[in-house]
Protein backbone atom coordinates (compact mmCIF):
# COMPACT_ATOMS: atom_id res chain seq x y z
CA MET A 1 107.53 70.94 126.12
CA ALA A 2 105.29 72.89 123.72
CA TYR A 3 103.18 75.58 125.36
CA ASP A 4 99.99 77.34 124.37
CA VAL A 5 100.22 80.94 123.13
CA THR A 6 97.89 83.31 124.97
CA ASP A 7 99.56 86.70 124.37
CA PHE A 8 97.83 87.71 121.13
CA ARG A 9 99.09 91.26 121.34
CA GLU A 10 102.71 90.10 121.28
CA LEU A 11 101.99 87.80 118.33
CA PHE A 12 100.78 90.62 116.11
CA LEU A 13 103.15 93.34 117.34
CA ASN A 14 106.16 91.19 116.53
CA ASP A 15 104.79 89.62 113.33
CA ARG A 16 105.35 86.16 114.76
CA PRO A 17 105.18 83.49 112.02
CA MET A 18 101.95 81.52 112.16
CA MET A 19 100.85 78.26 110.54
CA ASP A 20 97.12 78.06 109.83
CA THR A 21 95.98 74.42 109.82
CA ARG A 22 92.40 75.14 108.74
CA ALA A 23 91.13 73.95 105.35
CA PRO A 24 91.85 76.25 102.36
CA ILE A 25 88.18 77.29 102.07
CA GLU A 26 88.28 78.62 105.64
CA PHE A 27 91.63 80.32 105.10
CA HIS A 28 90.47 82.19 101.98
CA LYS A 29 87.40 83.57 103.78
CA GLY A 30 89.69 85.37 106.20
CA ALA A 31 93.23 85.15 107.52
CA PHE A 32 96.03 87.27 108.99
CA PRO A 33 98.81 89.00 107.02
CA GLY A 34 101.81 86.78 106.34
CA VAL A 35 100.24 83.61 107.73
CA VAL A 36 100.93 80.35 105.84
CA ASN A 37 98.10 77.87 105.25
CA LEU A 38 99.30 74.28 105.81
CA PRO A 39 96.03 72.46 106.39
CA LEU A 40 95.50 69.21 108.24
CA MET A 41 92.76 68.37 105.73
CA THR A 42 91.80 69.49 102.24
CA ASP A 43 88.38 71.05 101.66
CA HIS A 44 87.01 67.73 100.38
CA GLU A 45 88.42 65.75 103.33
CA ARG A 46 87.02 68.28 105.80
CA GLU A 47 83.60 68.04 104.13
CA ARG A 48 83.61 64.24 104.37
CA VAL A 49 84.58 64.34 108.05
CA GLY A 50 81.90 66.93 108.76
CA THR A 51 79.23 64.82 107.09
CA CYS A 52 80.38 61.77 109.05
CA TYR A 53 80.24 63.76 112.30
CA LYS A 54 76.61 64.78 111.64
CA GLN A 55 75.51 61.29 110.66
CA GLN A 56 77.56 59.02 112.94
CA GLY A 57 79.00 61.18 115.70
CA GLN A 58 82.41 62.42 116.83
CA GLN A 59 84.20 59.11 117.27
CA ALA A 60 83.38 57.93 113.75
CA ALA A 61 84.47 61.32 112.36
CA VAL A 62 87.81 61.09 114.18
CA VAL A 63 88.42 57.60 112.80
CA LEU A 64 87.61 58.76 109.26
CA GLY A 65 89.88 61.77 109.64
CA HIS A 66 92.80 59.54 110.62
CA GLN A 67 92.07 57.24 107.67
CA LEU A 68 92.03 60.15 105.21
CA VAL A 69 95.25 61.67 106.57
CA SER A 70 97.50 58.62 106.80
CA GLY A 71 100.37 56.95 104.99
CA GLN A 72 102.01 59.04 102.29
CA THR A 73 99.46 61.85 102.68
CA LYS A 74 100.30 62.21 106.36
CA ALA A 75 104.04 62.00 105.66
CA GLU A 76 103.90 64.81 103.08
CA ARG A 77 101.86 67.11 105.31
CA LEU A 78 104.03 66.34 108.32
CA GLN A 79 107.09 67.24 106.26
CA ALA A 80 105.57 70.61 105.34
CA TRP A 81 104.69 71.36 108.98
CA ALA A 82 108.15 70.34 110.17
CA ASP A 83 109.83 72.46 107.49
CA PHE A 84 107.79 75.46 108.61
CA ALA A 85 108.50 74.86 112.29
CA ARG A 86 112.25 74.49 111.72
CA ALA A 87 112.35 77.60 109.50
CA ASN A 88 110.28 79.57 112.05
CA PRO A 89 111.33 78.45 115.53
CA ASP A 90 109.64 81.53 117.04
CA GLY A 91 106.31 80.71 115.35
CA CYS A 92 103.15 78.89 116.34
CA LEU A 93 100.18 77.07 114.83
CA TYR A 94 96.42 77.28 115.14
CA CYS A 95 93.15 75.89 113.81
CA PHE A 96 89.68 77.45 114.02
CA ARG A 97 88.99 77.21 117.77
CA GLY A 98 92.30 75.83 119.04
CA GLY A 99 90.76 72.37 119.19
CA MET A 100 91.31 68.98 117.67
CA ARG A 101 93.01 69.89 114.38
CA SER A 102 95.77 71.98 115.94
CA GLN A 103 96.16 69.43 118.74
CA ILE A 104 96.69 66.67 116.18
CA VAL A 105 99.25 68.67 114.19
CA GLN A 106 101.06 69.62 117.38
CA GLN A 107 101.02 66.00 118.59
CA TRP A 108 102.28 64.57 115.29
CA LEU A 109 105.06 67.15 115.11
CA LYS A 110 106.20 66.05 118.58
CA GLN A 111 105.82 62.31 118.10
CA ASP A 112 107.02 61.92 114.50
CA ALA A 113 109.40 64.85 114.00
CA GLY A 114 110.59 65.54 117.55
CA ILE A 115 109.46 69.16 117.37
CA ASP A 116 107.73 70.93 120.26
CA TYR A 117 105.67 73.63 118.60
CA PRO A 118 103.24 75.96 120.38
CA ARG A 119 99.64 76.44 119.34
CA VAL A 120 97.33 79.39 119.87
CA THR A 121 94.78 79.04 122.66
CA GLY A 122 91.34 79.55 121.17
CA GLY A 123 92.73 79.44 117.62
CA TYR A 124 91.71 81.72 114.76
CA LYS A 125 88.43 82.65 116.41
CA ALA A 126 90.16 84.01 119.51
CA LEU A 127 92.71 85.95 117.44
CA ARG A 128 89.94 87.43 115.31
CA THR A 129 87.92 88.44 118.39
CA PHE A 130 91.03 90.13 119.80
CA LEU A 131 91.50 92.20 116.62
CA ILE A 132 87.84 93.24 116.47
CA GLN A 133 88.12 94.41 120.08
CA THR A 134 91.35 96.26 119.23
CA VAL A 135 89.50 98.50 116.75
CA ASP A 136 86.49 98.96 119.03
CA ASP A 137 88.79 100.01 121.90
CA ALA A 138 90.64 102.50 119.69
CA VAL A 139 87.37 104.04 118.47
CA ALA A 140 86.20 104.44 122.07
CA GLN A 141 89.50 105.63 123.57
CA CYS A 142 91.39 107.57 120.88
CA ALA A 143 91.00 110.98 119.26
CA MET A 144 89.91 110.89 115.61
CA THR A 145 90.41 113.41 112.80
CA VAL A 146 88.87 113.03 109.34
CA LEU A 147 90.79 114.32 106.32
CA GLY A 148 88.51 115.68 103.59
CA GLY A 149 89.03 117.54 100.34
CA MET A 150 88.13 117.65 96.67
CA THR A 151 88.92 114.67 94.44
CA GLY A 152 92.60 114.62 93.54
CA THR A 153 93.93 116.82 96.33
CA GLY A 154 96.22 113.99 97.48
CA LYS A 155 94.61 112.95 100.74
CA THR A 156 96.35 109.57 100.62
CA ASP A 157 99.68 111.33 99.93
CA VAL A 158 99.16 113.21 103.20
CA LEU A 159 98.03 110.17 105.21
CA VAL A 160 101.08 108.08 104.34
CA GLN A 161 103.35 110.86 105.63
CA LEU A 162 101.69 110.82 109.05
CA ASN A 163 102.86 108.45 111.77
CA ASN A 164 99.28 108.27 113.05
CA GLY A 165 97.52 108.00 109.66
CA LEU A 166 95.28 105.00 108.99
CA ASP A 167 95.29 104.36 105.24
CA LEU A 168 91.88 102.73 104.83
CA GLU A 169 92.20 102.70 101.03
CA GLY A 170 95.63 101.09 101.27
CA HIS A 171 94.30 98.29 103.48
CA ALA A 172 91.33 97.84 101.12
CA ASN A 173 93.58 98.01 98.01
CA HIS A 174 91.11 100.44 96.42
CA ARG A 175 91.23 104.20 95.83
CA GLY A 176 87.73 104.73 97.14
CA SER A 177 86.05 106.37 94.14
CA SER A 178 84.06 104.97 91.20
CA PHE A 179 87.43 104.77 89.42
CA GLY A 180 89.20 103.27 92.43
CA LYS A 181 89.58 99.58 91.51
CA ARG A 182 93.18 98.38 91.38
CA ALA A 183 94.54 95.78 88.95
CA THR A 184 95.38 93.46 91.83
CA GLY A 185 91.92 93.11 93.37
CA GLN A 186 90.74 93.56 96.95
CA PRO A 187 91.15 91.46 100.09
CA SER A 188 88.16 89.78 101.68
CA ASN A 189 86.32 92.01 104.13
CA ILE A 190 87.69 89.97 107.04
CA ASP A 191 91.26 90.36 105.74
CA PHE A 192 90.69 94.12 105.40
CA GLU A 193 89.46 94.36 109.00
CA ASN A 194 92.40 92.29 110.23
CA ARG A 195 94.96 94.47 108.42
CA LEU A 196 93.37 97.62 109.81
CA ALA A 197 93.28 96.25 113.35
CA ILE A 198 96.96 95.24 113.30
CA ASP A 199 97.86 98.70 112.00
CA VAL A 200 95.90 100.28 114.87
CA LEU A 201 97.51 97.91 117.40
CA LYS A 202 101.04 98.74 116.23
CA LYS A 203 100.45 102.49 116.18
CA ARG A 204 98.96 102.48 119.67
CA ALA A 205 101.94 100.42 120.87
CA LYS A 206 104.15 103.28 119.64
CA GLY A 207 102.17 105.70 121.80
CA HIS A 208 99.68 107.17 119.33
CA GLU A 209 96.34 107.91 120.95
CA GLY A 210 94.87 109.86 118.05
CA PHE A 211 94.36 108.83 114.42
CA VAL A 212 93.78 110.52 111.07
CA VAL A 213 91.57 108.81 108.49
CA GLU A 214 90.39 109.87 105.06
CA ASP A 215 86.75 110.86 104.66
CA GLU A 216 85.19 107.68 103.24
CA SER A 217 81.75 106.23 102.69
CA ARG A 218 80.90 103.06 104.64
CA THR A 219 82.43 100.96 101.87
CA VAL A 220 85.79 101.28 100.14
CA GLY A 221 85.10 99.28 97.02
CA SER A 222 83.85 95.92 98.30
CA CYS A 223 85.35 96.39 101.80
CA ALA A 224 83.09 97.75 104.56
CA LEU A 225 84.53 99.85 107.37
CA PRO A 226 83.88 98.56 110.90
CA LEU A 227 80.58 100.14 111.91
CA ALA A 228 81.88 101.69 115.13
CA LEU A 229 84.72 103.39 113.23
CA TYR A 230 82.42 104.67 110.49
CA GLN A 231 79.95 106.07 113.02
CA ARG A 232 82.76 107.80 114.90
CA MET A 233 84.00 109.37 111.66
CA GLN A 234 80.63 111.05 111.09
CA ASP A 235 81.06 113.56 113.93
CA ALA A 236 84.87 113.72 114.28
CA PRO A 237 86.65 117.03 113.55
CA MET A 238 87.55 117.45 109.88
CA VAL A 239 90.61 118.92 108.20
CA TRP A 240 90.06 120.07 104.62
CA LEU A 241 92.91 119.64 102.11
CA GLU A 242 93.05 122.18 99.28
CA ASP A 243 94.93 122.21 95.97
CA SER A 244 94.68 123.85 92.56
CA LEU A 245 92.66 122.28 89.75
CA GLN A 246 95.82 121.86 87.66
CA SER A 247 97.65 119.96 90.41
CA ARG A 248 94.62 117.76 91.00
CA VAL A 249 94.39 116.90 87.30
CA GLU A 250 98.07 115.92 87.28
CA ARG A 251 97.69 113.79 90.39
CA ILE A 252 94.67 111.94 88.97
CA LEU A 253 96.54 111.46 85.69
CA ARG A 254 99.41 109.89 87.64
CA ASP A 255 97.27 107.62 89.83
CA TYR A 256 94.43 106.58 87.55
CA VAL A 257 96.16 106.55 84.15
CA VAL A 258 99.95 106.26 84.29
CA ASP A 259 100.30 104.13 87.44
CA LEU A 260 97.14 102.07 86.88
CA SER A 261 98.01 101.18 83.29
CA ALA A 262 101.49 100.11 84.47
CA GLU A 263 99.87 98.03 87.23
CA PHE A 264 97.69 96.22 84.68
CA THR A 265 100.67 95.59 82.40
CA VAL A 266 102.77 94.13 85.23
CA LYS A 267 99.91 91.82 86.22
CA ASN A 268 98.62 90.84 82.77
CA GLY A 269 101.55 91.31 80.35
CA GLU A 270 100.63 92.03 76.74
CA HIS A 271 96.90 92.05 77.58
CA GLY A 272 97.41 94.59 80.34
CA PHE A 273 96.64 97.74 78.39
CA THR A 274 93.43 96.30 76.92
CA LEU A 275 92.22 95.36 80.39
CA PHE A 276 93.22 98.79 81.73
CA ALA A 277 91.25 100.52 78.96
CA GLN A 278 88.21 98.34 79.68
CA ARG A 279 88.45 99.16 83.40
CA LEU A 280 88.61 102.92 82.74
CA LEU A 281 85.58 102.82 80.42
CA GLU A 282 83.67 100.62 82.88
CA SER A 283 84.39 103.09 85.67
CA LEU A 284 82.92 105.91 83.60
CA ALA A 285 79.90 103.74 82.75
CA ASN A 286 79.33 103.12 86.48
CA ILE A 287 78.42 106.81 86.93
CA GLN A 288 76.54 107.17 83.64
CA ARG A 289 73.16 107.60 85.34
CA ARG A 290 74.47 110.40 87.54
CA LEU A 291 76.35 112.04 84.67
CA GLY A 292 73.41 111.97 82.29
CA GLY A 293 73.42 110.44 78.82
CA GLU A 294 74.80 113.38 76.84
CA ARG A 295 77.65 114.14 79.21
CA HIS A 296 78.59 110.46 79.50
CA GLN A 297 78.77 110.11 75.71
CA ARG A 298 80.92 113.23 75.42
CA LEU A 299 83.38 112.13 78.11
CA GLN A 300 83.46 108.57 76.77
CA ALA A 301 84.43 109.82 73.31
CA VAL A 302 87.31 111.85 74.78
CA MET A 303 88.40 108.93 76.96
CA GLU A 304 88.40 106.53 74.00
CA ALA A 305 90.51 108.95 71.92
CA ALA A 306 92.93 109.37 74.82
CA LEU A 307 93.26 105.61 75.23
CA GLN A 308 93.91 105.14 71.53
CA GLU A 309 96.66 107.76 71.60
CA GLN A 310 98.18 106.26 74.74
CA GLU A 311 98.23 102.78 73.20
CA SER A 312 99.72 103.96 69.90
CA CYS A 313 102.50 106.24 71.15
CA GLY A 314 102.44 106.27 74.95
CA ALA A 315 101.27 109.90 75.20
CA VAL A 316 98.76 110.65 77.98
CA ASP A 317 98.05 114.34 77.28
CA LEU A 318 94.49 113.77 76.02
CA HIS A 319 93.49 112.15 79.31
CA ARG A 320 93.73 115.56 80.96
CA VAL A 321 90.69 116.69 78.96
CA TRP A 322 88.23 114.17 80.40
CA ILE A 323 89.80 114.35 83.86
CA GLU A 324 89.36 118.12 84.08
CA ALA A 325 85.83 117.96 82.67
CA LEU A 326 84.86 115.26 85.16
CA LEU A 327 86.24 117.32 88.04
CA ARG A 328 84.58 120.58 86.99
CA GLU A 329 81.23 119.15 86.00
CA TYR A 330 80.74 116.20 88.35
CA TYR A 331 83.03 115.77 91.35
CA ASP A 332 83.66 119.39 92.35
CA PRO A 333 79.98 120.38 92.68
CA MET A 334 79.41 117.32 94.92
CA TYR A 335 82.40 118.11 97.12
CA ALA A 336 81.55 121.81 97.29
CA PHE A 337 78.14 120.84 98.63
CA GLN A 338 79.77 118.44 101.10
CA ARG A 339 82.15 121.10 102.36
CA GLU A 340 79.30 123.50 102.94
CA LYS A 341 77.32 120.80 104.72
CA GLN A 342 80.31 119.87 106.93
CA GLY A 343 81.33 123.46 107.56
CA SER A 344 80.85 123.38 111.33
CA ARG A 345 83.10 120.30 111.63
CA ILE A 346 86.05 121.75 109.69
CA ALA A 347 88.74 122.63 112.22
CA PHE A 348 91.41 123.59 109.68
CA ALA A 349 91.82 124.02 105.92
CA GLY A 350 94.94 124.55 103.84
CA ASP A 351 97.34 123.17 101.26
CA GLN A 352 99.36 119.98 101.75
CA ALA A 353 102.24 121.60 103.65
CA ALA A 354 99.91 123.50 105.99
CA VAL A 355 97.69 120.47 106.60
CA LEU A 356 100.68 118.23 107.34
CA GLU A 357 102.03 120.76 109.83
CA TYR A 358 98.65 121.11 111.53
CA LEU A 359 98.05 117.34 111.76
CA ARG A 360 101.56 116.63 113.06
CA GLU A 361 101.07 119.28 115.72
CA GLN A 362 97.76 117.68 116.69
CA ALA A 363 99.42 114.25 116.79
CA GLY A 364 102.05 115.59 119.17
CA ASN A 365 99.26 116.48 121.55
CA THR A 366 97.79 112.96 121.51
CA VAL A 367 100.93 110.81 121.88
CA SER A 368 100.78 109.06 125.25
């Protein structure tokens, strides 16, 4: 006999397979990592049923729904659900509130395919509420350290080496700066929040009661940090990562030129480099007002020459010129001001090795 799933924590900790029976339009607004969308109704069918419900009531809407999903259409969808259930015997299914749609799918699986398959009590809405509460609880209950530093010091490189690091930029698929857009685009804000919450849940399950996050603005590209987390970050102790200008230039060259151009080529084939070049020039244009007209024109000319050389022979040496100029003239003065402003919050400062040692020692003191 199929049972209802009520242990949401276990679902996410063990990456249990889940079948989302909501319409595609609902799924794309927000979903959970790894979940498969096998809807009861298409967007158009759902819209028709919704209109019928408003105009004629629930019973008429149910009748229409059964008419729309019948015959060959029903058989094909039932086959997809059954294939998923057989391939994922430890999985479950859900709809938006754990109501009629998931009940129908569960019932048809039992009656027509002989499969008892559990559904999630409260559906997507209950799972989402659980994850929002997971982050709120962590913000209220756990220690928090903010990792700051000049542009290019490798803050993400440090975070990913920490067992208690929360890689906000990784979850947002964005590097956080004006140049931070990736070739592969960003998740929806709901997807970003869900990924972050599951990361927090899993780390707390391993005993971590303190987290390290990178110093970010409220938004990482188009993704907004949960307000409670962002507010907590504003007065949390800060660790300041230091590195030489030369090392920072090389790291930015790696991330924003070599790796990003490769990312665009993998995604877009022969048009990849052209799209990469456009993205780089657009990123510079985004800060034109703050750079000033003369400086923007100068850096743009260097960037265009560097892109031409890179396209013609693969050399990236010229990129170092605009990167270093942008650091010296634009980013470093901003970050120097920020460091001075945050001085009282800075608990430790040092190079990557020293910062890693300090943060790991702090983490050892907050493991439950």
